[in-house]
Amino acid sequence: MLPYVTRCYVLLQIMTKYIYPYDLRKQRNQLRQEEVGVLLGVTRQTIWRWRKTKGLPSYSPNGINPLFFEDEVLDWVRSQPSLFVKTNMGI
């Protein structure tokens, strides 16, 4: 059995490595792919393409469904002005 101080140190390392990052994620506004599409006014296919080719920040904790943080998505959109330039095509 480990001494008490060593056990406390190991427990503190585990908490800072595994538990606290998830607590910080819960405090941020997480969005699903459909919600990002509504926020930006684009389809799911466009979201997928931007993730793969343009570097839209996303996380896939289960490997299937991507999650997005609202602040990261908005920062990414601000850094990509050419995606949202509106042109008058005579319509």
N, C-alpha and C. Protein backbone atom coordinates (compact mmCIF):
# COMPACT_ATOMS: atom_id res chain seq x y z
N MET A 1 0.84 -1.17 0.00
CA MET A 1 0.00 0.00 0.00
C MET A 1 0.89 1.24 0.00
N LEU A 2 0.49 2.22 -0.79
CA LEU A 2 1.26 3.44 -0.91
C LEU A 2 1.05 4.34 0.30
N PRO A 3 2.05 5.12 0.64
CA PRO A 3 1.87 6.07 1.72
C PRO A 3 0.77 7.08 1.35
N TYR A 4 0.19 7.70 2.36
CA TYR A 4 -0.93 8.61 2.17
C TYR A 4 -0.59 9.77 1.23
N VAL A 5 0.58 10.36 1.40
CA VAL A 5 0.97 11.50 0.56
C VAL A 5 1.08 11.07 -0.90
N THR A 6 1.62 9.90 -1.16
CA THR A 6 1.76 9.41 -2.53
C THR A 6 0.39 9.14 -3.13
N ARG A 7 -0.53 8.57 -2.35
CA ARG A 7 -1.89 8.32 -2.85
C ARG A 7 -2.58 9.62 -3.19
N CYS A 8 -2.42 10.64 -2.36
CA CYS A 8 -3.02 11.94 -2.63
C CYS A 8 -2.43 12.56 -3.90
N TYR A 9 -1.14 12.42 -4.09
CA TYR A 9 -0.49 12.95 -5.28
C TYR A 9 -1.00 12.25 -6.54
N VAL A 10 -1.11 10.93 -6.48
CA VAL A 10 -1.61 10.17 -7.63
C VAL A 10 -3.05 10.55 -7.92
N LEU A 11 -3.87 10.69 -6.90
CA LEU A 11 -5.27 11.08 -7.08
C LEU A 11 -5.36 12.48 -7.70
N LEU A 12 -4.52 13.38 -7.26
CA LEU A 12 -4.52 14.73 -7.82
C LEU A 12 -4.12 14.71 -9.29
N GLN A 13 -3.15 13.89 -9.66
CA GLN A 13 -2.76 13.77 -11.07
C GLN A 13 -3.91 13.23 -11.91
N ILE A 14 -4.60 12.23 -11.41
CA ILE A 14 -5.73 11.65 -12.14
C ILE A 14 -6.83 12.69 -12.32
N MET A 15 -7.12 13.44 -11.27
CA MET A 15 -8.18 14.44 -11.35
C MET A 15 -7.85 15.53 -12.35
N THR A 16 -6.61 16.01 -12.35
CA THR A 16 -6.26 17.10 -13.26
C THR A 16 -6.17 16.60 -14.70
N LYS A 17 -5.84 15.34 -14.90
CA LYS A 17 -5.69 14.84 -16.26
C LYS A 17 -7.02 14.41 -16.88
N TYR A 18 -7.89 13.79 -16.09
CA TYR A 18 -9.08 13.20 -16.67
C TYR A 18 -10.39 13.89 -16.30
N ILE A 19 -10.51 14.38 -15.10
CA ILE A 19 -11.80 14.90 -14.65
C ILE A 19 -11.96 16.38 -14.97
N TYR A 20 -11.00 17.21 -14.66
CA TYR A 20 -11.16 18.65 -14.83
C TYR A 20 -11.34 19.09 -16.28
N PRO A 21 -10.64 18.50 -17.27
CA PRO A 21 -10.91 18.93 -18.65
C PRO A 21 -12.36 18.71 -19.06
N TYR A 22 -12.98 17.62 -18.59
CA TYR A 22 -14.38 17.38 -18.93
C TYR A 22 -15.29 18.39 -18.26
N ASP A 23 -14.97 18.81 -17.05
CA ASP A 23 -15.75 19.84 -16.38
C ASP A 23 -15.68 21.15 -17.16
N LEU A 24 -14.51 21.48 -17.70
CA LEU A 24 -14.37 22.70 -18.49
C LEU A 24 -15.17 22.59 -19.78
N ARG A 25 -15.21 21.39 -20.39
CA ARG A 25 -15.98 21.21 -21.61
C ARG A 25 -17.47 21.39 -21.36
N LYS A 26 -17.93 20.93 -20.21
CA LYS A 26 -19.35 21.05 -19.91
C LYS A 26 -19.75 22.50 -19.73
N GLN A 27 -18.84 23.35 -19.30
CA GLN A 27 -19.16 24.75 -19.10
C GLN A 27 -19.26 25.49 -20.44
N ARG A 28 -18.60 25.01 -21.47
CA ARG A 28 -18.66 25.65 -22.78
C ARG A 28 -19.90 25.15 -23.51
N ASN A 29 -20.37 25.96 -24.44
CA ASN A 29 -21.59 25.63 -25.17
C ASN A 29 -21.25 24.65 -26.30
N GLN A 30 -21.66 23.39 -26.14
CA GLN A 30 -21.42 22.37 -27.15
C GLN A 30 -22.57 22.37 -28.15
N LEU A 31 -22.22 22.18 -29.42
CA LEU A 31 -23.22 22.13 -30.48
C LEU A 31 -23.07 20.84 -31.26
N ARG A 32 -24.21 20.29 -31.71
CA ARG A 32 -24.17 19.16 -32.62
C ARG A 32 -24.05 19.69 -34.04
N GLN A 33 -23.83 18.79 -34.98
CA GLN A 33 -23.62 19.18 -36.37
C GLN A 33 -24.85 19.91 -36.93
N GLU A 34 -26.04 19.46 -36.60
CA GLU A 34 -27.25 20.10 -37.08
C GLU A 34 -27.38 21.52 -36.53
N GLU A 35 -26.99 21.71 -35.28
CA GLU A 35 -27.07 23.04 -34.67
C GLU A 35 -26.08 24.00 -35.30
N VAL A 36 -24.90 23.50 -35.66
CA VAL A 36 -23.92 24.35 -36.35
C VAL A 36 -24.45 24.73 -37.72
N GLY A 37 -25.11 23.80 -38.40
CA GLY A 37 -25.71 24.09 -39.70
C GLY A 37 -26.76 25.19 -39.61
N VAL A 38 -27.59 25.14 -38.58
CA VAL A 38 -28.60 26.18 -38.38
C VAL A 38 -27.93 27.51 -38.04
N LEU A 39 -26.90 27.46 -37.20
CA LEU A 39 -26.20 28.67 -36.80
C LEU A 39 -25.56 29.37 -38.01
N LEU A 40 -24.97 28.59 -38.91
CA LEU A 40 -24.26 29.16 -40.05
C LEU A 40 -25.11 29.22 -41.31
N GLY A 41 -26.27 28.56 -41.30
CA GLY A 41 -27.15 28.56 -42.46
C GLY A 41 -26.64 27.71 -43.60
N VAL A 42 -26.03 26.56 -43.28
CA VAL A 42 -25.50 25.66 -44.30
C VAL A 42 -25.98 24.24 -44.00
N THR A 43 -25.76 23.33 -44.96
CA THR A 43 -26.20 21.94 -44.80
C THR A 43 -25.17 21.11 -44.04
N ARG A 44 -25.58 19.89 -43.67
CA ARG A 44 -24.68 18.98 -42.97
C ARG A 44 -23.50 18.60 -43.86
N GLN A 45 -23.74 18.46 -45.17
CA GLN A 45 -22.67 18.11 -46.10
C GLN A 45 -21.62 19.22 -46.15
N THR A 46 -22.07 20.47 -46.08
CA THR A 46 -21.13 21.59 -46.09
C THR A 46 -20.30 21.60 -44.81
N ILE A 47 -20.95 21.32 -43.68
CA ILE A 47 -20.22 21.24 -42.41
C ILE A 47 -19.15 20.15 -42.50
N TRP A 48 -19.52 18.99 -43.03
CA TRP A 48 -18.57 17.89 -43.16
C TRP A 48 -17.39 18.30 -44.05
N ARG A 49 -17.68 18.95 -45.20
CA ARG A 49 -16.63 19.38 -46.12
C ARG A 49 -15.70 20.39 -45.46
N TRP A 50 -16.27 21.33 -44.73
CA TRP A 50 -15.44 22.33 -44.04
C TRP A 50 -14.57 21.69 -42.98
N ARG A 51 -15.09 20.67 -42.31
CA ARG A 51 -14.28 19.97 -41.31
C ARG A 51 -13.08 19.31 -41.96
N LYS A 52 -13.30 18.65 -43.11
CA LYS A 52 -12.25 17.88 -43.76
C LYS A 52 -11.27 18.74 -44.54
N THR A 53 -11.74 19.82 -45.17
CA THR A 53 -10.87 20.57 -46.07
C THR A 53 -10.46 21.94 -45.55
N LYS A 54 -11.31 22.60 -44.79
CA LYS A 54 -11.02 23.97 -44.36
C LYS A 54 -10.59 24.06 -42.90
N GLY A 55 -10.68 22.98 -42.17
CA GLY A 55 -10.20 22.97 -40.79
C GLY A 55 -11.18 23.48 -39.76
N LEU A 56 -12.48 23.30 -40.00
CA LEU A 56 -13.48 23.67 -39.00
C LEU A 56 -13.24 22.85 -37.74
N PRO A 57 -13.00 23.49 -36.58
CA PRO A 57 -12.65 22.74 -35.37
C PRO A 57 -13.83 21.92 -34.86
N SER A 58 -13.57 20.64 -34.64
CA SER A 58 -14.60 19.75 -34.10
C SER A 58 -13.94 18.65 -33.28
N TYR A 59 -14.75 17.97 -32.49
CA TYR A 59 -14.28 16.88 -31.64
C TYR A 59 -15.23 15.72 -31.81
N SER A 60 -14.69 14.52 -31.87
CA SER A 60 -15.50 13.32 -31.97
C SER A 60 -15.16 12.40 -30.81
N PRO A 61 -15.77 12.63 -29.64
CA PRO A 61 -15.41 11.81 -28.49
C PRO A 61 -15.76 10.34 -28.66
N ASN A 62 -16.84 10.02 -29.39
CA ASN A 62 -17.19 8.62 -29.60
C ASN A 62 -16.77 8.14 -30.98
N GLY A 63 -16.15 9.00 -31.77
CA GLY A 63 -15.66 8.62 -33.08
C GLY A 63 -16.70 8.69 -34.18
N ILE A 64 -17.94 8.98 -33.85
CA ILE A 64 -19.00 8.99 -34.85
C ILE A 64 -19.60 10.37 -35.00
N ASN A 65 -20.17 10.90 -33.94
CA ASN A 65 -20.87 12.18 -34.01
C ASN A 65 -19.95 13.32 -33.60
N PRO A 66 -19.69 14.25 -34.51
CA PRO A 66 -18.81 15.37 -34.15
C PRO A 66 -19.51 16.36 -33.24
N LEU A 67 -18.76 16.92 -32.31
CA LEU A 67 -19.24 17.99 -31.46
C LEU A 67 -18.43 19.24 -31.76
N PHE A 68 -19.06 20.37 -31.59
CA PHE A 68 -18.43 21.65 -31.86
C PHE A 68 -18.62 22.54 -30.65
N PHE A 69 -17.65 23.40 -30.39
CA PHE A 69 -17.81 24.42 -29.36
C PHE A 69 -18.17 25.72 -30.07
N GLU A 70 -19.22 26.37 -29.58
CA GLU A 70 -19.74 27.54 -30.25
C GLU A 70 -18.69 28.64 -30.41
N ASP A 71 -17.91 28.89 -29.36
CA ASP A 71 -16.91 29.95 -29.46
C ASP A 71 -15.84 29.64 -30.50
N GLU A 72 -15.43 28.36 -30.62
CA GLU A 72 -14.44 27.98 -31.62
C GLU A 72 -14.99 28.10 -33.03
N VAL A 73 -16.26 27.72 -33.21
CA VAL A 73 -16.88 27.82 -34.53
C VAL A 73 -16.97 29.28 -34.96
N LEU A 74 -17.40 30.15 -34.06
CA LEU A 74 -17.53 31.56 -34.41
C LEU A 74 -16.17 32.20 -34.68
N ASP A 75 -15.15 31.81 -33.91
CA ASP A 75 -13.79 32.31 -34.19
C ASP A 75 -13.30 31.84 -35.55
N TRP A 76 -13.60 30.58 -35.89
CA TRP A 76 -13.19 30.04 -37.18
C TRP A 76 -13.89 30.78 -38.32
N VAL A 77 -15.19 31.06 -38.14
CA VAL A 77 -15.94 31.79 -39.17
C VAL A 77 -15.35 33.18 -39.37
N ARG A 78 -14.98 33.84 -38.29
CA ARG A 78 -14.38 35.18 -38.40
C ARG A 78 -13.06 35.14 -39.15
N SER A 79 -12.34 34.03 -39.04
CA SER A 79 -11.05 33.93 -39.72
C SER A 79 -11.18 33.47 -41.17
N GLN A 80 -12.39 33.16 -41.62
CA GLN A 80 -12.64 32.69 -42.99
C GLN A 80 -13.60 33.64 -43.71
N PRO A 81 -13.19 34.86 -44.00
CA PRO A 81 -14.15 35.81 -44.59
C PRO A 81 -14.59 35.43 -46.00
N SER A 82 -13.78 34.69 -46.73
CA SER A 82 -14.13 34.37 -48.12
C SER A 82 -15.30 33.39 -48.21
N LEU A 83 -15.60 32.66 -47.14
CA LEU A 83 -16.72 31.72 -47.17
C LEU A 83 -18.07 32.41 -47.14
N PHE A 84 -18.12 33.58 -46.57
CA PHE A 84 -19.40 34.24 -46.34
C PHE A 84 -19.52 35.57 -47.06
N VAL A 85 -18.79 35.74 -48.17
CA VAL A 85 -18.90 36.96 -48.95
C VAL A 85 -20.17 36.86 -49.79
N LYS A 86 -21.05 37.83 -49.67
CA LYS A 86 -22.28 37.84 -50.44
C LYS A 86 -22.06 38.65 -51.70
N THR A 87 -22.42 38.09 -52.82
CA THR A 87 -22.29 38.80 -54.08
C THR A 87 -23.66 39.01 -54.67
N ASN A 88 -23.82 40.08 -55.44
CA ASN A 88 -25.08 40.36 -56.10
C ASN A 88 -25.01 39.78 -57.51
N MET A 89 -25.74 38.71 -57.74
CA MET A 89 -25.70 38.02 -59.02
C MET A 89 -26.87 38.47 -59.91
N GLY A 90 -27.47 39.62 -59.61
CA GLY A 90 -28.58 40.09 -60.40
C GLY A 90 -29.90 39.46 -60.01
N ILE A 91 -29.93 38.91 -58.82
CA ILE A 91 -31.16 38.24 -58.35
C ILE A 91 -31.97 39.22 -57.52
